[in-house]
Amino acid sequence: MTAILVKALADLRRRRVQAAVIFLTVLLAMATGTMALTLMSQTRDPYQAAFEAQKGAHLQVEFKASTDPQLLASTPAIIGASAAGGHTLPPRCSSSTEANRSTCKPSGGTVPEATSRC
């Protein structure tokens, strides 16, 4: 066993450039393999990762203003939703020349009466 190690070390000393090229080739191959495994594990099933990050599916529903409020209240139970928020109407935004600011005012529904910046 020691004779083989002595011969290997002697060959490495004699052929330094070749030894360096082989070492560099093996190093780059290992780095490429590691990067490939990392990319595969990070990009596996992105939709499942997003689903888990949101703690379930999220659904945003638009409806006509003339829809019956009782029907809207019963919709979460019909579709099997675990939780539901109240309905909100989109704000009406207006621009003013005062410091180039826009303000949004609620247009009704269950939105609290307040003015906020857009």
PDB file of N, CA and C in Angstrom:
ATOM      1  N   MET A   1       0.832  -1.199   0.000  1.00  0.00           N
ATOM      2  CA  MET A   1       0.000   0.000   0.000  1.00  0.00           C
ATOM      3  C   MET A   1       0.874   1.260   0.000  1.00  0.00           C
ATOM      4  N   THR A   2       1.927   1.263   0.808  1.00  0.00           N
ATOM      5  CA  THR A   2       2.785   2.451   0.854  1.00  0.00           C
ATOM      6  C   THR A   2       3.531   2.655  -0.454  1.00  0.00           C
ATOM      7  N   ALA A   3       3.825   1.565  -1.150  1.00  0.00           N
ATOM      8  CA  ALA A   3       4.520   1.688  -2.436  1.00  0.00           C
ATOM      9  C   ALA A   3       3.641   2.411  -3.453  1.00  0.00           C
ATOM     10  N   ILE A   4       2.351   2.153  -3.392  1.00  0.00           N
ATOM     11  CA  ILE A   4       1.424   2.816  -4.318  1.00  0.00           C
ATOM     12  C   ILE A   4       1.339   4.310  -4.009  1.00  0.00           C
ATOM     13  N   LEU A   5       1.275   4.644  -2.718  1.00  0.00           N
ATOM     14  CA  LEU A   5       1.223   6.063  -2.325  1.00  0.00           C
ATOM     15  C   LEU A   5       2.502   6.787  -2.714  1.00  0.00           C
ATOM     16  N   VAL A   6       3.652   6.136  -2.520  1.00  0.00           N
ATOM     17  CA  VAL A   6       4.935   6.746  -2.895  1.00  0.00           C
ATOM     18  C   VAL A   6       4.973   6.997  -4.396  1.00  0.00           C
ATOM     19  N   LYS A   7       4.533   6.008  -5.180  1.00  0.00           N
ATOM     20  CA  LYS A   7       4.512   6.159  -6.649  1.00  0.00           C
ATOM     21  C   LYS A   7       3.555   7.279  -7.061  1.00  0.00           C
ATOM     22  N   ALA A   8       2.362   7.357  -6.417  1.00  0.00           N
ATOM     23  CA  ALA A   8       1.379   8.393  -6.761  1.00  0.00           C
ATOM     24  C   ALA A   8       1.920   9.783  -6.446  1.00  0.00           C
ATOM     25  N   LEU A   9       2.535   9.944  -5.292  1.00  0.00           N
ATOM     26  CA  LEU A   9       3.108  11.248  -4.928  1.00  0.00           C
ATOM     27  C   LEU A   9       4.267  11.628  -5.856  1.00  0.00           C
ATOM     28  N   ALA A  10       5.054  10.656  -6.250  1.00  0.00           N
ATOM     29  CA  ALA A  10       6.155  10.943  -7.177  1.00  0.00           C
ATOM     30  C   ALA A  10       5.613  11.392  -8.526  1.00  0.00           C
ATOM     31  N   ASP A  11       4.532  10.759  -8.997  1.00  0.00           N
ATOM     32  CA  ASP A  11       3.924  11.160 -10.272  1.00  0.00           C
ATOM     33  C   ASP A  11       3.290  12.553 -10.171  1.00  0.00           C
ATOM     34  N   LEU A  12       2.698  12.853  -9.031  1.00  0.00           N
ATOM     35  CA  LEU A  12       2.111  14.193  -8.847  1.00  0.00           C
ATOM     36  C   LEU A  12       3.194  15.268  -8.857  1.00  0.00           C
ATOM     37  N   ARG A  13       4.343  14.987  -8.257  1.00  0.00           N
ATOM     38  CA  ARG A  13       5.432  15.960  -8.252  1.00  0.00           C
ATOM     39  C   ARG A  13       6.017  16.139  -9.652  1.00  0.00           C
ATOM     40  N   ARG A  14       6.081  15.063 -10.386  1.00  0.00           N
ATOM     41  CA  ARG A  14       6.692  15.113 -11.716  1.00  0.00           C
ATOM     42  C   ARG A  14       5.754  15.784 -12.723  1.00  0.00           C
ATOM     43  N   ARG A  15       4.474  15.580 -12.595  1.00  0.00           N
ATOM     44  CA  ARG A  15       3.502  16.124 -13.556  1.00  0.00           C
ATOM     45  C   ARG A  15       2.562  17.106 -12.841  1.00  0.00           C
ATOM     46  N   ARG A  16       3.068  18.217 -12.439  1.00  0.00           N
ATOM     47  CA  ARG A  16       2.305  19.195 -11.656  1.00  0.00           C
ATOM     48  C   ARG A  16       1.173  19.834 -12.451  1.00  0.00           C
ATOM     49  N   VAL A  17       1.433  20.197 -13.693  1.00  0.00           N
ATOM     50  CA  VAL A  17       0.395  20.842 -14.512  1.00  0.00           C
ATOM     51  C   VAL A  17      -0.764  19.885 -14.743  1.00  0.00           C
ATOM     52  N   GLN A  18      -0.451  18.643 -15.066  1.00  0.00           N
ATOM     53  CA  GLN A  18      -1.504  17.660 -15.300  1.00  0.00           C
ATOM     54  C   GLN A  18      -2.314  17.407 -14.018  1.00  0.00           C
ATOM     55  N   ALA A  19      -1.628  17.362 -12.890  1.00  0.00           N
ATOM     56  CA  ALA A  19      -2.299  17.149 -11.610  1.00  0.00           C
ATOM     57  C   ALA A  19      -3.222  18.329 -11.286  1.00  0.00           C
ATOM     58  N   ALA A  20      -2.754  19.550 -11.572  1.00  0.00           N
ATOM     59  CA  ALA A  20      -3.572  20.735 -11.318  1.00  0.00           C
ATOM     60  C   ALA A  20      -4.803  20.760 -12.225  1.00  0.00           C
ATOM     61  N   VAL A  21      -4.635  20.377 -13.494  1.00  0.00           N
ATOM     62  CA  VAL A  21      -5.773  20.350 -14.424  1.00  0.00           C
ATOM     63  C   VAL A  21      -6.804  19.314 -13.986  1.00  0.00           C
ATOM     64  N   ILE A  22      -6.349  18.142 -13.578  1.00  0.00           N
ATOM     65  CA  ILE A  22      -7.283  17.104 -13.097  1.00  0.00           C
ATOM     66  C   ILE A  22      -7.997  17.573 -11.835  1.00  0.00           C
ATOM     67  N   PHE A  23      -7.244  18.179 -10.896  1.00  0.00           N
ATOM     68  CA  PHE A  23      -7.852  18.688  -9.670  1.00  0.00           C
ATOM     69  C   PHE A  23      -8.902  19.753  -9.985  1.00  0.00           C
ATOM     70  N   LEU A  24      -8.593  20.676 -10.867  1.00  0.00           N
ATOM     71  CA  LEU A  24      -9.531  21.736 -11.243  1.00  0.00           C
ATOM     72  C   LEU A  24     -10.759  21.167 -11.944  1.00  0.00           C
ATOM     73  N   THR A  25     -10.566  20.171 -12.803  1.00  0.00           N
ATOM     74  CA  THR A  25     -11.685  19.538 -13.507  1.00  0.00           C
ATOM     75  C   THR A  25     -12.619  18.842 -12.524  1.00  0.00           C
ATOM     76  N   VAL A  26     -12.070  18.123 -11.578  1.00  0.00           N
ATOM     77  CA  VAL A  26     -12.886  17.442 -10.566  1.00  0.00           C
ATOM     78  C   VAL A  26     -13.606  18.462  -9.694  1.00  0.00           C
ATOM     79  N   LEU A  27     -12.928  19.524  -9.320  1.00  0.00           N
ATOM     80  CA  LEU A  27     -13.545  20.568  -8.492  1.00  0.00           C
ATOM     81  C   LEU A  27     -14.732  21.219  -9.212  1.00  0.00           C
ATOM     82  N   LEU A  28     -14.551  21.569 -10.490  1.00  0.00           N
ATOM     83  CA  LEU A  28     -15.635  22.189 -11.259  1.00  0.00           C
ATOM     84  C   LEU A  28     -16.798  21.213 -11.485  1.00  0.00           C
ATOM     85  N   ALA A  29     -16.494  19.939 -11.684  1.00  0.00           N
ATOM     86  CA  ALA A  29     -17.555  18.938 -11.847  1.00  0.00           C
ATOM     87  C   ALA A  29     -18.373  18.809 -10.565  1.00  0.00           C
ATOM     88  N   MET A  30     -17.707  18.828  -9.430  1.00  0.00           N
ATOM     89  CA  MET A  30     -18.428  18.745  -8.153  1.00  0.00           C
ATOM     90  C   MET A  30     -19.265  19.998  -7.925  1.00  0.00           C
ATOM     91  N   ALA A  31     -18.736  21.155  -8.257  1.00  0.00           N
ATOM     92  CA  ALA A  31     -19.485  22.407  -8.089  1.00  0.00           C
ATOM     93  C   ALA A  31     -20.711  22.430  -9.005  1.00  0.00           C
ATOM     94  N   THR A  32     -20.550  21.937 -10.234  1.00  0.00           N
ATOM     95  CA  THR A  32     -21.671  21.889 -11.169  1.00  0.00           C
ATOM     96  C   THR A  32     -22.752  20.936 -10.664  1.00  0.00           C
ATOM     97  N   GLY A  33     -22.358  19.800 -10.161  1.00  0.00           N
ATOM     98  CA  GLY A  33     -23.321  18.848  -9.608  1.00  0.00           C
ATOM     99  C   GLY A  33     -24.053  19.413  -8.411  1.00  0.00           C
ATOM    100  N   THR A  34     -23.330  20.097  -7.530  1.00  0.00           N
ATOM    101  CA  THR A  34     -23.957  20.712  -6.363  1.00  0.00           C
ATOM    102  C   THR A  34     -24.953  21.791  -6.780  1.00  0.00           C
ATOM    103  N   MET A  35     -24.574  22.612  -7.747  1.00  0.00           N
ATOM    104  CA  MET A  35     -25.467  23.669  -8.223  1.00  0.00           C
ATOM    105  C   MET A  35     -26.707  23.071  -8.890  1.00  0.00           C
ATOM    106  N   ALA A  36     -26.531  22.002  -9.648  1.00  0.00           N
ATOM    107  CA  ALA A  36     -27.671  21.358 -10.304  1.00  0.00           C
ATOM    108  C   ALA A  36     -28.642  20.795  -9.277  1.00  0.00           C
ATOM    109  N   LEU A  37     -28.135  20.144  -8.243  1.00  0.00           N
ATOM    110  CA  LEU A  37     -29.010  19.610  -7.195  1.00  0.00           C
ATOM    111  C   LEU A  37     -29.737  20.723  -6.447  1.00  0.00           C
ATOM    112  N   THR A  38     -29.031  21.819  -6.191  1.00  0.00           N
ATOM    113  CA  THR A  38     -29.659  22.953  -5.509  1.00  0.00           C
ATOM    114  C   THR A  38     -30.774  23.553  -6.354  1.00  0.00           C
ATOM    115  N   LEU A  39     -30.525  23.749  -7.640  1.00  0.00           N
ATOM    116  CA  LEU A  39     -31.556  24.290  -8.526  1.00  0.00           C
ATOM    117  C   LEU A  39     -32.758  23.363  -8.632  1.00  0.00           C
ATOM    118  N   MET A  40     -32.511  22.076  -8.716  1.00  0.00           N
ATOM    119  CA  MET A  40     -33.618  21.122  -8.808  1.00  0.00           C
ATOM    120  C   MET A  40     -34.462  21.124  -7.547  1.00  0.00           C
ATOM    121  N   SER A  41     -33.821  21.216  -6.392  1.00  0.00           N
ATOM    122  CA  SER A  41     -34.589  21.201  -5.145  1.00  0.00           C
ATOM    123  C   SER A  41     -35.341  22.517  -4.933  1.00  0.00           C
ATOM    124  N   GLN A  42     -34.800  23.629  -5.402  1.00  0.00           N
ATOM    125  CA  GLN A  42     -35.451  24.920  -5.211  1.00  0.00           C
ATOM    126  C   GLN A  42     -36.589  25.142  -6.186  1.00  0.00           C
ATOM    127  N   THR A  43     -36.521  24.550  -7.359  1.00  0.00           N
ATOM    128  CA  THR A  43     -37.556  24.789  -8.360  1.00  0.00           C
ATOM    129  C   THR A  43     -38.580  23.665  -8.424  1.00  0.00           C
ATOM    130  N   ARG A  44     -38.499  22.718  -7.537  1.00  0.00           N
ATOM    131  CA  ARG A  44     -39.444  21.612  -7.544  1.00  0.00           C
ATOM    132  C   ARG A  44     -40.801  22.079  -7.026  1.00  0.00           C
ATOM    133  N   ASP A  45     -41.814  21.933  -7.837  1.00  0.00           N
ATOM    134  CA  ASP A  45     -43.202  22.215  -7.494  1.00  0.00           C
ATOM    135  C   ASP A  45     -43.410  23.631  -6.925  1.00  0.00           C
ATOM    136  N   PRO A  46     -43.191  24.674  -7.730  1.00  0.00           N
ATOM    137  CA  PRO A  46     -43.334  26.039  -7.220  1.00  0.00           C
ATOM    138  C   PRO A  46     -44.760  26.373  -6.795  1.00  0.00           C
ATOM    139  N   TYR A  47     -45.756  25.740  -7.411  1.00  0.00           N
ATOM    140  CA  TYR A  47     -47.139  26.034  -7.031  1.00  0.00           C
ATOM    141  C   TYR A  47     -47.450  25.493  -5.639  1.00  0.00           C
ATOM    142  N   GLN A  48     -46.897  24.338  -5.308  1.00  0.00           N
ATOM    143  CA  GLN A  48     -47.098  23.797  -3.966  1.00  0.00           C
ATOM    144  C   GLN A  48     -46.402  24.676  -2.933  1.00  0.00           C
ATOM    145  N   ALA A  49     -45.226  25.195  -3.257  1.00  0.00           N
ATOM    146  CA  ALA A  49     -44.517  26.082  -2.333  1.00  0.00           C
ATOM    147  C   ALA A  49     -45.306  27.368  -2.101  1.00  0.00           C
ATOM    148  N   ALA A  50     -45.898  27.926  -3.161  1.00  0.00           N
ATOM    149  CA  ALA A  50     -46.707  29.142  -3.009  1.00  0.00           C
ATOM    150  C   ALA A  50     -47.969  28.847  -2.195  1.00  0.00           C
ATOM    151  N   PHE A  51     -48.572  27.686  -2.422  1.00  0.00           N
ATOM    152  CA  PHE A  51     -49.770  27.290  -1.676  1.00  0.00           C
ATOM    153  C   PHE A  51     -49.458  27.202  -0.194  1.00  0.00           C
ATOM    154  N   GLU A  52     -48.329  26.582   0.157  1.00  0.00           N
ATOM    155  CA  GLU A  52     -47.947  26.446   1.553  1.00  0.00           C
ATOM    156  C   GLU A  52     -47.570  27.793   2.165  1.00  0.00           C
ATOM    157  N   ALA A  53     -46.947  28.671   1.387  1.00  0.00           N
ATOM    158  CA  ALA A  53     -46.570  29.995   1.903  1.00  0.00           C
ATOM    159  C   ALA A  53     -47.798  30.836   2.223  1.00  0.00           C
ATOM    160  N   GLN A  54     -48.866  30.663   1.441  1.00  0.00           N
ATOM    161  CA  GLN A  54     -50.093  31.421   1.681  1.00  0.00           C
ATOM    162  C   GLN A  54     -50.989  30.743   2.701  1.00  0.00           C
ATOM    163  N   LYS A  55     -50.592  29.568   3.174  1.00  0.00           N
ATOM    164  CA  LYS A  55     -51.379  28.778   4.118  1.00  0.00           C
ATOM    165  C   LYS A  55     -52.739  28.425   3.532  1.00  0.00           C
ATOM    166  N   GLY A  56     -52.735  28.016   2.288  1.00  0.00           N
ATOM    167  CA  GLY A  56     -53.964  27.586   1.623  1.00  0.00           C
ATOM    168  C   GLY A  56     -54.240  28.431   0.398  1.00  0.00           C
ATOM    169  N   ALA A  57     -55.270  28.044  -0.311  1.00  0.00           N
ATOM    170  CA  ALA A  57     -55.643  28.767  -1.520  1.00  0.00           C
ATOM    171  C   ALA A  57     -56.361  30.060  -1.145  1.00  0.00           C
ATOM    172  N   HIS A  58     -56.110  31.090  -1.905  1.00  0.00           N
ATOM    173  CA  HIS A  58     -56.787  32.366  -1.706  1.00  0.00           C
ATOM    174  C   HIS A  58     -57.567  32.683  -2.968  1.00  0.00           C
ATOM    175  N   LEU A  59     -58.753  33.173  -2.786  1.00  0.00           N
ATOM    176  CA  LEU A  59     -59.634  33.432  -3.909  1.00  0.00           C
ATOM    177  C   LEU A  59     -60.217  34.827  -3.754  1.00  0.00           C
ATOM    178  N   GLN A  60     -60.185  35.578  -4.815  1.00  0.00           N
ATOM    179  CA  GLN A  60     -60.773  36.905  -4.818  1.00  0.00           C
ATOM    180  C   GLN A  60     -61.901  36.881  -5.844  1.00  0.00           C
ATOM    181  N   VAL A  61     -63.082  37.256  -5.404  1.00  0.00           N
ATOM    182  CA  VAL A  61     -64.263  37.151  -6.251  1.00  0.00           C
ATOM    183  C   VAL A  61     -64.823  38.541  -6.504  1.00  0.00           C
ATOM    184  N   GLU A  62     -65.180  38.799  -7.760  1.00  0.00           N
ATOM    185  CA  GLU A  62     -65.862  40.038  -8.105  1.00  0.00           C
ATOM    186  C   GLU A  62     -67.330  39.710  -8.341  1.00  0.00           C
ATOM    187  N   PHE A  63     -68.203  40.623  -7.981  1.00  0.00           N
ATOM    188  CA  PHE A  63     -69.627  40.399  -8.156  1.00  0.00           C
ATOM    189  C   PHE A  63     -70.297  41.704  -8.559  1.00  0.00           C
ATOM    190  N   LYS A  64     -71.487  41.560  -9.091  1.00  0.00           N
ATOM    191  CA  LYS A  64     -72.244  42.740  -9.497  1.00  0.00           C
ATOM    192  C   LYS A  64     -72.788  43.447  -8.261  1.00  0.00           C
ATOM    193  N   ALA A  65     -72.932  44.749  -8.345  1.00  0.00           N
ATOM    194  CA  ALA A  65     -73.453  45.510  -7.216  1.00  0.00           C
ATOM    195  C   ALA A  65     -74.900  45.145  -6.914  1.00  0.00           C
ATOM    196  N   SER A  66     -75.599  44.617  -7.891  1.00  0.00           N
ATOM    197  CA  SER A  66     -77.005  44.273  -7.684  1.00  0.00           C
ATOM    198  C   SER A  66     -77.186  42.875  -7.086  1.00  0.00           C
ATOM    199  N   THR A  67     -76.089  42.175  -6.755  1.00  0.00           N
ATOM    200  CA  THR A  67     -76.194  40.829  -6.192  1.00  0.00           C
ATOM    201  C   THR A  67     -76.790  40.890  -4.796  1.00  0.00           C
ATOM    202  N   ASP A  68     -77.645  39.911  -4.497  1.00  0.00           N
ATOM    203  CA  ASP A  68     -78.335  39.842  -3.210  1.00  0.00           C
ATOM    204  C   ASP A  68     -77.320  39.655  -2.078  1.00  0.00           C
ATOM    205  N   PRO A  69     -77.330  40.503  -1.042  1.00  0.00           N
ATOM    206  CA  PRO A  69     -76.374  40.377   0.064  1.00  0.00           C
ATOM    207  C   PRO A  69     -76.490  39.042   0.799  1.00  0.00           C
ATOM    208  N   GLN A  70     -77.680  38.469   0.888  1.00  0.00           N
ATOM    209  CA  GLN A  70     -77.829  37.168   1.556  1.00  0.00           C
ATOM    210  C   GLN A  70     -77.131  36.067   0.754  1.00  0.00           C
ATOM    211  N   LEU A  71     -77.201  36.166  -0.563  1.00  0.00           N
ATOM    212  CA  LEU A  71     -76.514  35.202  -1.415  1.00  0.00           C
ATOM    213  C   LEU A  71     -75.004  35.338  -1.249  1.00  0.00           C
ATOM    214  N   LEU A  72     -74.529  36.577  -1.156  1.00  0.00           N
ATOM    215  CA  LEU A  72     -73.092  36.796  -0.936  1.00  0.00           C
ATOM    216  C   LEU A  72     -72.651  36.234   0.408  1.00  0.00           C
ATOM    217  N   ALA A  73     -73.480  36.391   1.433  1.00  0.00           N
ATOM    218  CA  ALA A  73     -73.126  35.898   2.766  1.00  0.00           C
ATOM    219  C   ALA A  73     -73.075  34.373   2.798  1.00  0.00           C
ATOM    220  N   SER A  74     -73.882  33.704   1.980  1.00  0.00           N
ATOM    221  CA  SER A  74     -73.901  32.244   1.993  1.00  0.00           C
ATOM    222  C   SER A  74     -72.863  31.622   1.052  1.00  0.00           C
ATOM    223  N   THR A  75     -72.229  32.420   0.203  1.00  0.00           N
ATOM    224  CA  THR A  75     -71.279  31.893  -0.780  1.00  0.00           C
ATOM    225  C   THR A  75     -70.102  31.153  -0.151  1.00  0.00           C
ATOM    226  N   PRO A  76     -69.449  31.646   0.918  1.00  0.00           N
ATOM    227  CA  PRO A  76     -68.316  30.902   1.487  1.00  0.00           C
ATOM    228  C   PRO A  76     -68.696  29.481   1.920  1.00  0.00           C
ATOM    229  N   ALA A  77     -69.872  29.309   2.491  1.00  0.00           N
ATOM    230  CA  ALA A  77     -70.297  27.975   2.918  1.00  0.00           C
ATOM    231  C   ALA A  77     -70.556  27.080   1.707  1.00  0.00           C
ATOM    232  N   ILE A  78     -71.066  27.659   0.625  1.00  0.00           N
ATOM    233  CA  ILE A  78     -71.372  26.872  -0.569  1.00  0.00           C
ATOM    234  C   ILE A  78     -70.096  26.336  -1.213  1.00  0.00           C
ATOM    235  N   ILE A  79     -69.058  27.171  -1.288  1.00  0.00           N
ATOM    236  CA  ILE A  79     -67.819  26.735  -1.942  1.00  0.00           C
ATOM    237  C   ILE A  79     -66.873  26.017  -0.993  1.00  0.00           C
ATOM    238  N   GLY A  80     -67.221  25.949   0.289  1.00  0.00           N
ATOM    239  CA  GLY A  80     -66.390  25.224   1.251  1.00  0.00           C
ATOM    240  C   GLY A  80     -65.186  26.000   1.741  1.00  0.00           C
ATOM    241  N   ALA A  81     -65.298  27.305   1.793  1.00  0.00           N
ATOM    242  CA  ALA A  81     -64.184  28.132   2.260  1.00  0.00           C
ATOM    243  C   ALA A  81     -64.052  28.012   3.773  1.00  0.00           C
ATOM    244  N   SER A  82     -62.823  27.965   4.267  1.00  0.00           N
ATOM    245  CA  SER A  82     -62.598  27.870   5.707  1.00  0.00           C
ATOM    246  C   SER A  82     -62.723  29.234   6.389  1.00  0.00           C
ATOM    247  N   ALA A  83     -62.503  30.302   5.638  1.00  0.00           N
ATOM    248  CA  ALA A  83     -62.636  31.654   6.173  1.00  0.00           C
ATOM    249  C   ALA A  83     -62.979  32.591   5.024  1.00  0.00           C
ATOM    250  N   ALA A  84     -63.664  33.674   5.353  1.00  0.00           N
ATOM    251  CA  ALA A  84     -64.045  34.641   4.325  1.00  0.00           C
ATOM    252  C   ALA A  84     -64.064  36.026   4.937  1.00  0.00           C
ATOM    253  N   GLY A  85     -63.665  37.016   4.137  1.00  0.00           N
ATOM    254  CA  GLY A  85     -63.726  38.402   4.576  1.00  0.00           C
ATOM    255  C   GLY A  85     -64.956  39.065   4.004  1.00  0.00           C
ATOM    256  N   GLY A  86     -65.252  40.225   4.508  1.00  0.00           N
ATOM    257  CA  GLY A  86     -66.406  40.955   4.010  1.00  0.00           C
ATOM    258  C   GLY A  86     -66.164  41.507   2.623  1.00  0.00           C
ATOM    259  N   HIS A  87     -67.226  41.928   1.983  1.00  0.00           N
ATOM    260  CA  HIS A  87     -67.065  42.481   0.649  1.00  0.00           C
ATOM    261  C   HIS A  87     -66.667  43.946   0.757  1.00  0.00           C
ATOM    262  N   THR A  88     -65.835  44.377  -0.128  1.00  0.00           N
ATOM    263  CA  THR A  88     -65.407  45.772  -0.176  1.00  0.00           C
ATOM    264  C   THR A  88     -65.530  46.247  -1.616  1.00  0.00           C
ATOM    265  N   LEU A  89     -65.831  47.478  -1.753  1.00  0.00           N
ATOM    266  CA  LEU A  89     -65.922  48.072  -3.079  1.00  0.00           C
ATOM    267  C   LEU A  89     -64.638  48.824  -3.372  1.00  0.00           C
ATOM    268  N   PRO A  90     -64.240  48.908  -4.619  1.00  0.00           N
ATOM    269  CA  PRO A  90     -63.002  49.618  -4.929  1.00  0.00           C
ATOM    270  C   PRO A  90     -63.120  51.101  -4.606  1.00  0.00           C
ATOM    271  N   PRO A  91     -62.055  51.705  -4.139  1.00  0.00           N
ATOM    272  CA  PRO A  91     -62.117  53.133  -3.798  1.00  0.00           C
ATOM    273  C   PRO A  91     -62.144  54.008  -5.042  1.00  0.00           C
ATOM    274  N   ARG A  92     -62.718  55.182  -4.876  1.00  0.00           N
ATOM    275  CA  ARG A  92     -62.672  56.186  -5.944  1.00  0.00           C
ATOM    276  C   ARG A  92     -61.482  57.082  -5.668  1.00  0.00           C
ATOM    277  N   CYS A  93     -60.606  57.208  -6.613  1.00  0.00           N
ATOM    278  CA  CYS A  93     -59.399  58.011  -6.427  1.00  0.00           C
ATOM    279  C   CYS A  93     -59.528  59.329  -7.175  1.00  0.00           C
ATOM    280  N   SER A  94     -59.017  60.357  -6.553  1.00  0.00           N
ATOM    281  CA  SER A  94     -58.999  61.666  -7.212  1.00  0.00           C
ATOM    282  C   SER A  94     -57.622  62.275  -6.992  1.00  0.00           C
ATOM    283  N   SER A  95     -57.170  63.027  -7.970  1.00  0.00           N
ATOM    284  CA  SER A  95     -55.866  63.669  -7.854  1.00  0.00           C
ATOM    285  C   SER A  95     -56.056  65.134  -7.488  1.00  0.00           C
ATOM    286  N   SER A  96     -55.100  65.609  -6.747  1.00  0.00           N
ATOM    287  CA  SER A  96     -55.107  67.032  -6.437  1.00  0.00           C
ATOM    288  C   SER A  96     -53.732  67.590  -6.776  1.00  0.00           C
ATOM    289  N   THR A  97     -53.695  68.860  -7.046  1.00  0.00           N
ATOM    290  CA  THR A  97     -52.426  69.481  -7.406  1.00  0.00           C
ATOM    291  C   THR A  97     -51.596  69.790  -6.171  1.00  0.00           C
ATOM    292  N   GLU A  98     -52.177  69.663  -5.003  1.00  0.00           N
ATOM    293  CA  GLU A  98     -51.465  69.957  -3.765  1.00  0.00           C
ATOM    294  C   GLU A  98     -50.405  68.887  -3.517  1.00  0.00           C
ATOM    295  N   ALA A  99     -49.185  69.205  -3.755  1.00  0.00           N
ATOM    296  CA  ALA A  99     -48.005  68.346  -3.535  1.00  0.00           C
ATOM    297  C   ALA A  99     -48.101  67.045  -4.321  1.00  0.00           C
ATOM    298  N   ASN A 100     -48.793  67.082  -5.464  1.00  0.00           N
ATOM    299  CA  ASN A 100     -48.924  65.913  -6.341  1.00  0.00           C
ATOM    300  C   ASN A 100     -49.396  64.671  -5.588  1.00  0.00           C
ATOM    301  N   ARG A 101     -50.418  64.818  -4.769  1.00  0.00           N
ATOM    302  CA  ARG A 101     -50.938  63.689  -3.996  1.00  0.00           C
ATOM    303  C   ARG A 101     -52.273  63.247  -4.557  1.00  0.00           C
ATOM    304  N   SER A 102     -52.519  61.960  -4.429  1.00  0.00           N
ATOM    305  CA  SER A 102     -53.813  61.401  -4.794  1.00  0.00           C
ATOM    306  C   SER A 102     -54.458  60.881  -3.526  1.00  0.00           C
ATOM    307  N   THR A 103     -55.749  61.072  -3.401  1.00  0.00           N
ATOM    308  CA  THR A 103     -56.446  60.543  -2.244  1.00  0.00           C
ATOM    309  C   THR A 103     -57.533  59.607  -2.715  1.00  0.00           C
ATOM    310  N   CYS A 104     -57.782  58.581  -1.927  1.00  0.00           N
ATOM    311  CA  CYS A 104     -58.807  57.599  -2.247  1.00  0.00           C
ATOM    312  C   CYS A 104     -59.893  57.676  -1.187  1.00  0.00           C
ATOM    313  N   LYS A 105     -61.117  57.717  -1.648  1.00  0.00           N
ATOM    314  CA  LYS A 105     -62.242  57.730  -0.731  1.00  0.00           C
ATOM    315  C   LYS A 105     -63.067  56.480  -0.970  1.00  0.00           C
ATOM    316  N   PRO A 106     -63.510  55.829   0.096  1.00  0.00           N
ATOM    317  CA  PRO A 106     -64.318  54.632  -0.074  1.00  0.00           C
ATOM    318  C   PRO A 106     -65.601  54.954  -0.818  1.00  0.00           C
ATOM    319  N   SER A 107     -66.067  53.992  -1.613  1.00  0.00           N
ATOM    320  CA  SER A 107     -67.266  54.228  -2.401  1.00  0.00           C
ATOM    321  C   SER A 107     -68.492  53.566  -1.801  1.00  0.00           C
ATOM    322  N   GLY A 108     -68.399  53.081  -0.596  1.00  0.00           N
ATOM    323  CA  GLY A 108     -69.557  52.478   0.051  1.00  0.00           C
ATOM    324  C   GLY A 108     -69.267  51.058   0.457  1.00  0.00           C
ATOM    325  N   GLY A 109     -70.310  50.298   0.762  1.00  0.00           N
ATOM    326  CA  GLY A 109     -70.138  48.913   1.171  1.00  0.00           C
ATOM    327  C   GLY A 109     -69.694  48.840   2.615  1.00  0.00           C
ATOM    328  N   THR A 110     -68.868  47.871   2.947  1.00  0.00           N
ATOM    329  CA  THR A 110     -68.430  47.688   4.326  1.00  0.00           C
ATOM    330  C   THR A 110     -67.089  48.347   4.599  1.00  0.00           C
ATOM    331  N   VAL A 111     -66.633  49.205   3.714  1.00  0.00           N
ATOM    332  CA  VAL A 111     -65.359  49.889   3.882  1.00  0.00           C
ATOM    333  C   VAL A 111     -65.541  50.970   4.942  1.00  0.00           C
ATOM    334  N   PRO A 112     -64.657  51.047   5.924  1.00  0.00           N
ATOM    335  CA  PRO A 112     -64.801  52.107   6.939  1.00  0.00           C
ATOM    336  C   PRO A 112     -64.624  53.486   6.300  1.00  0.00           C
ATOM    337  N   GLU A 113     -65.280  54.429   6.873  1.00  0.00           N
ATOM    338  CA  GLU A 113     -65.195  55.789   6.347  1.00  0.00           C
ATOM    339  C   GLU A 113     -63.851  56.398   6.722  1.00  0.00           C
ATOM    340  N   ALA A 114     -63.002  56.481   5.753  1.00  0.00           N
ATOM    341  CA  ALA A 114     -61.664  57.052   5.971  1.00  0.00           C
ATOM    342  C   ALA A 114     -61.105  57.471   4.624  1.00  0.00           C
ATOM    343  N   THR A 115     -60.137  58.336   4.683  1.00  0.00           N
ATOM    344  CA  THR A 115     -59.446  58.750   3.466  1.00  0.00           C
ATOM    345  C   THR A 115     -58.009  58.293   3.592  1.00  0.00           C
ATOM    346  N   SER A 116     -57.530  57.624   2.567  1.00  0.00           N
ATOM    347  CA  SER A 116     -56.145  57.133   2.606  1.00  0.00           C
ATOM    348  C   SER A 116     -55.447  57.521   1.327  1.00  0.00           C
ATOM    349  N   ARG A 117     -54.146  57.415   1.350  1.00  0.00           N
ATOM    350  CA  ARG A 117     -53.361  57.724   0.153  1.00  0.00           C
ATOM    351  C   ARG A 117     -53.361  56.522  -0.760  1.00  0.00           C
ATOM    352  N   CYS A 118     -53.357  56.753  -2.078  1.00  0.00           N
ATOM    353  CA  CYS A 118     -53.313  55.655  -3.037  1.00  0.00           C
ATOM    354  C   CYS A 118     -51.905  55.150  -3.166  1.00  0.00           C
TER     355      CYS A 118
END
